[in-house]
Amino acid sequence: MLTIAALMTVLVMSLRPAVDMGGPVYMDKIMHLGAYAVLAGLARLGWPALWGGSIFLGLGLFGIGIEFAQHLMPLGRTGSLGDTAANLSGAALALVIFHFFWTRH
């Protein structure tokens, strides 16, 4: 349930009109990486039997869908390959951490 709430939060925050948050130019990439790392971690905790590749693929499609929607909607936002890369990097980072620290070898 927490994973679904986090997904909906990311969706709403991603599809609302753009707001200048200030800070360094790359700060939005760090926020993307962190958000998708949290989403992947919550998904892994919520569904531990689910294959990590499925979580990665699902979050990847979710993120690409959001970037595509941002490109199409008049929200002052644009779709970005850099954001997609940060999303995928965050998801992969969390899944790798879970693999090495929370699975039995």
C-alpha atoms as a PDB file:
ATOM      1  CA  MET A   1       0.000   0.000   0.000  1.00  0.00           C
ATOM      2  CA  LEU A   2       2.863   2.378   0.819  1.00  0.00           C
ATOM      3  CA  THR A   3       4.436   1.660  -2.576  1.00  0.00           C
ATOM      4  CA  ILE A   4       1.202   2.575  -4.365  1.00  0.00           C
ATOM      5  CA  ALA A   5       0.926   5.804  -2.342  1.00  0.00           C
ATOM      6  CA  ALA A   6       4.535   6.682  -3.234  1.00  0.00           C
ATOM      7  CA  LEU A   7       3.877   5.963  -6.925  1.00  0.00           C
ATOM      8  CA  MET A   8       0.822   8.225  -6.881  1.00  0.00           C
ATOM      9  CA  THR A   9       2.798  10.962  -5.129  1.00  0.00           C
ATOM     10  CA  VAL A  10       5.532  10.818  -7.784  1.00  0.00           C
ATOM     11  CA  LEU A  11       2.893  10.855 -10.525  1.00  0.00           C
ATOM     12  CA  VAL A  12       1.083  13.906  -9.111  1.00  0.00           C
ATOM     13  CA  MET A  13       4.300  15.808  -8.414  1.00  0.00           C
ATOM     14  CA  SER A  14       5.609  15.005 -11.897  1.00  0.00           C
ATOM     15  CA  LEU A  15       2.486  16.103 -13.752  1.00  0.00           C
ATOM     16  CA  ARG A  16       1.765  19.356 -11.971  1.00  0.00           C
ATOM     17  CA  PRO A  17       2.931  22.659 -13.475  1.00  0.00           C
ATOM     18  CA  ALA A  18       6.664  23.284 -13.287  1.00  0.00           C
ATOM     19  CA  VAL A  19       8.038  25.101 -10.252  1.00  0.00           C
ATOM     20  CA  ASP A  20      11.575  26.480 -10.107  1.00  0.00           C
ATOM     21  CA  MET A  21      13.089  24.837  -7.039  1.00  0.00           C
ATOM     22  CA  GLY A  22      16.380  26.702  -7.242  1.00  0.00           C
ATOM     23  CA  GLY A  23      19.670  25.074  -6.348  1.00  0.00           C
ATOM     24  CA  PRO A  24      22.307  23.609  -8.647  1.00  0.00           C
ATOM     25  CA  VAL A  25      21.393  22.763 -12.233  1.00  0.00           C
ATOM     26  CA  TYR A  26      21.712  19.018 -11.594  1.00  0.00           C
ATOM     27  CA  MET A  27      19.546  19.035  -8.434  1.00  0.00           C
ATOM     28  CA  ASP A  28      16.496  17.742 -10.318  1.00  0.00           C
ATOM     29  CA  LYS A  29      18.506  14.694 -11.441  1.00  0.00           C
ATOM     30  CA  ILE A  30      19.424  13.945  -7.821  1.00  0.00           C
ATOM     31  CA  MET A  31      15.749  14.250  -6.887  1.00  0.00           C
ATOM     32  CA  HIS A  32      14.778  11.852  -9.701  1.00  0.00           C
ATOM     33  CA  LEU A  33      17.448   9.364  -8.642  1.00  0.00           C
ATOM     34  CA  GLY A  34      16.353   9.537  -5.004  1.00  0.00           C
ATOM     35  CA  ALA A  35      12.640   9.250  -5.765  1.00  0.00           C
ATOM     36  CA  TYR A  36      13.060   6.163  -7.940  1.00  0.00           C
ATOM     37  CA  ALA A  37      15.475   4.590  -5.458  1.00  0.00           C
ATOM     38  CA  VAL A  38      12.788   4.978  -2.787  1.00  0.00           C
ATOM     39  CA  LEU A  39      10.132   3.572  -5.131  1.00  0.00           C
ATOM     40  CA  ALA A  40      12.288   0.537  -5.946  1.00  0.00           C
ATOM     41  CA  GLY A  41      13.129  -0.006  -2.273  1.00  0.00           C
ATOM     42  CA  LEU A  42       9.474   0.179  -1.260  1.00  0.00           C
ATOM     43  CA  ALA A  43       8.514  -2.208  -4.053  1.00  0.00           C
ATOM     44  CA  ARG A  44      11.224  -4.659  -2.969  1.00  0.00           C
ATOM     45  CA  LEU A  45      10.056  -4.474   0.662  1.00  0.00           C
ATOM     46  CA  GLY A  46       6.389  -4.713  -0.294  1.00  0.00           C
ATOM     47  CA  TRP A  47       6.797  -7.621  -2.699  1.00  0.00           C
ATOM     48  CA  PRO A  48       9.993  -9.456  -1.701  1.00  0.00           C
ATOM     49  CA  ALA A  49       9.234 -12.469  -3.902  1.00  0.00           C
ATOM     50  CA  LEU A  50       8.939 -10.297  -7.026  1.00  0.00           C
ATOM     51  CA  TRP A  51      11.929 -10.538  -9.356  1.00  0.00           C
ATOM     52  CA  GLY A  52      14.023  -7.342  -9.259  1.00  0.00           C
ATOM     53  CA  GLY A  53      13.993  -7.136 -13.051  1.00  0.00           C
ATOM     54  CA  SER A  54      10.217  -6.823 -12.968  1.00  0.00           C
ATOM     55  CA  ILE A  55      10.449  -3.941 -10.509  1.00  0.00           C
ATOM     56  CA  PHE A  56      13.095  -2.256 -12.662  1.00  0.00           C
ATOM     57  CA  LEU A  57      11.060  -2.726 -15.838  1.00  0.00           C
ATOM     58  CA  GLY A  58       7.858  -1.520 -14.202  1.00  0.00           C
ATOM     59  CA  LEU A  59       9.477   1.599 -12.764  1.00  0.00           C
ATOM     60  CA  GLY A  60      11.252   2.217 -16.056  1.00  0.00           C
ATOM     61  CA  LEU A  61       7.974   2.149 -17.967  1.00  0.00           C
ATOM     62  CA  PHE A  62       6.325   4.308 -15.297  1.00  0.00           C
ATOM     63  CA  GLY A  63       9.097   6.909 -15.568  1.00  0.00           C
ATOM     64  CA  ILE A  64       9.129   6.881 -19.374  1.00  0.00           C
ATOM     65  CA  GLY A  65       5.348   7.291 -19.372  1.00  0.00           C
ATOM     66  CA  ILE A  66       5.651  10.323 -17.102  1.00  0.00           C
ATOM     67  CA  GLU A  67       8.354  11.883 -19.267  1.00  0.00           C
ATOM     68  CA  PHE A  68       6.224  11.294 -22.370  1.00  0.00           C
ATOM     69  CA  ALA A  69       3.193  12.855 -20.643  1.00  0.00           C
ATOM     70  CA  GLN A  70       5.277  15.875 -19.608  1.00  0.00           C
ATOM     71  CA  HIS A  71       6.295  16.301 -23.236  1.00  0.00           C
ATOM     72  CA  LEU A  72       2.664  16.261 -24.414  1.00  0.00           C
ATOM     73  CA  MET A  73       1.004  18.314 -21.671  1.00  0.00           C
ATOM     74  CA  PRO A  74       1.175  22.131 -21.461  1.00  0.00           C
ATOM     75  CA  LEU A  75       2.600  22.194 -17.924  1.00  0.00           C
ATOM     76  CA  GLY A  76       5.783  24.136 -18.508  1.00  0.00           C
ATOM     77  CA  ARG A  77       7.640  20.825 -18.329  1.00  0.00           C
ATOM     78  CA  THR A  78       9.484  18.860 -20.959  1.00  0.00           C
ATOM     79  CA  GLY A  79      10.308  15.191 -21.239  1.00  0.00           C
ATOM     80  CA  SER A  80      13.977  14.505 -20.630  1.00  0.00           C
ATOM     81  CA  LEU A  81      16.273  11.607 -21.413  1.00  0.00           C
ATOM     82  CA  GLY A  82      18.447  12.812 -18.521  1.00  0.00           C
ATOM     83  CA  ASP A  83      15.512  12.455 -16.132  1.00  0.00           C
ATOM     84  CA  THR A  84      14.819   8.981 -17.503  1.00  0.00           C
ATOM     85  CA  ALA A  85      18.460   8.021 -16.962  1.00  0.00           C
ATOM     86  CA  ALA A  86      18.317   9.338 -13.388  1.00  0.00           C
ATOM     87  CA  ASN A  87      15.083   7.413 -12.760  1.00  0.00           C
ATOM     88  CA  LEU A  88      16.572   4.173 -14.039  1.00  0.00           C
ATOM     89  CA  SER A  89      19.811   4.766 -12.119  1.00  0.00           C
ATOM     90  CA  GLY A  90      17.923   5.296  -8.867  1.00  0.00           C
ATOM     91  CA  ALA A  91      15.839   2.159  -9.335  1.00  0.00           C
ATOM     92  CA  ALA A  92      18.914   0.108 -10.249  1.00  0.00           C
ATOM     93  CA  LEU A  93      20.903   1.461  -7.295  1.00  0.00           C
ATOM     94  CA  ALA A  94      18.217   0.469  -4.790  1.00  0.00           C
ATOM     95  CA  LEU A  95      17.764  -2.974  -6.323  1.00  0.00           C
ATOM     96  CA  VAL A  96      21.529  -3.638  -6.301  1.00  0.00           C
ATOM     97  CA  ILE A  97      21.751  -2.555  -2.662  1.00  0.00           C
ATOM     98  CA  PHE A  98      18.852  -4.839  -1.754  1.00  0.00           C
ATOM     99  CA  HIS A  99      20.408  -7.700  -3.692  1.00  0.00           C
ATOM    100  CA  PHE A 100      23.744  -7.476  -1.907  1.00  0.00           C
ATOM    101  CA  PHE A 101      22.582  -6.610   1.581  1.00  0.00           C
ATOM    102  CA  TRP A 102      19.156  -8.185   1.990  1.00  0.00           C
ATOM    103  CA  THR A 103      19.246 -11.431   0.059  1.00  0.00           C
ATOM    104  CA  ARG A 104      20.864 -14.599   1.271  1.00  0.00           C
ATOM    105  CA  HIS A 105      23.888 -15.797  -0.650  1.00  0.00           C
END
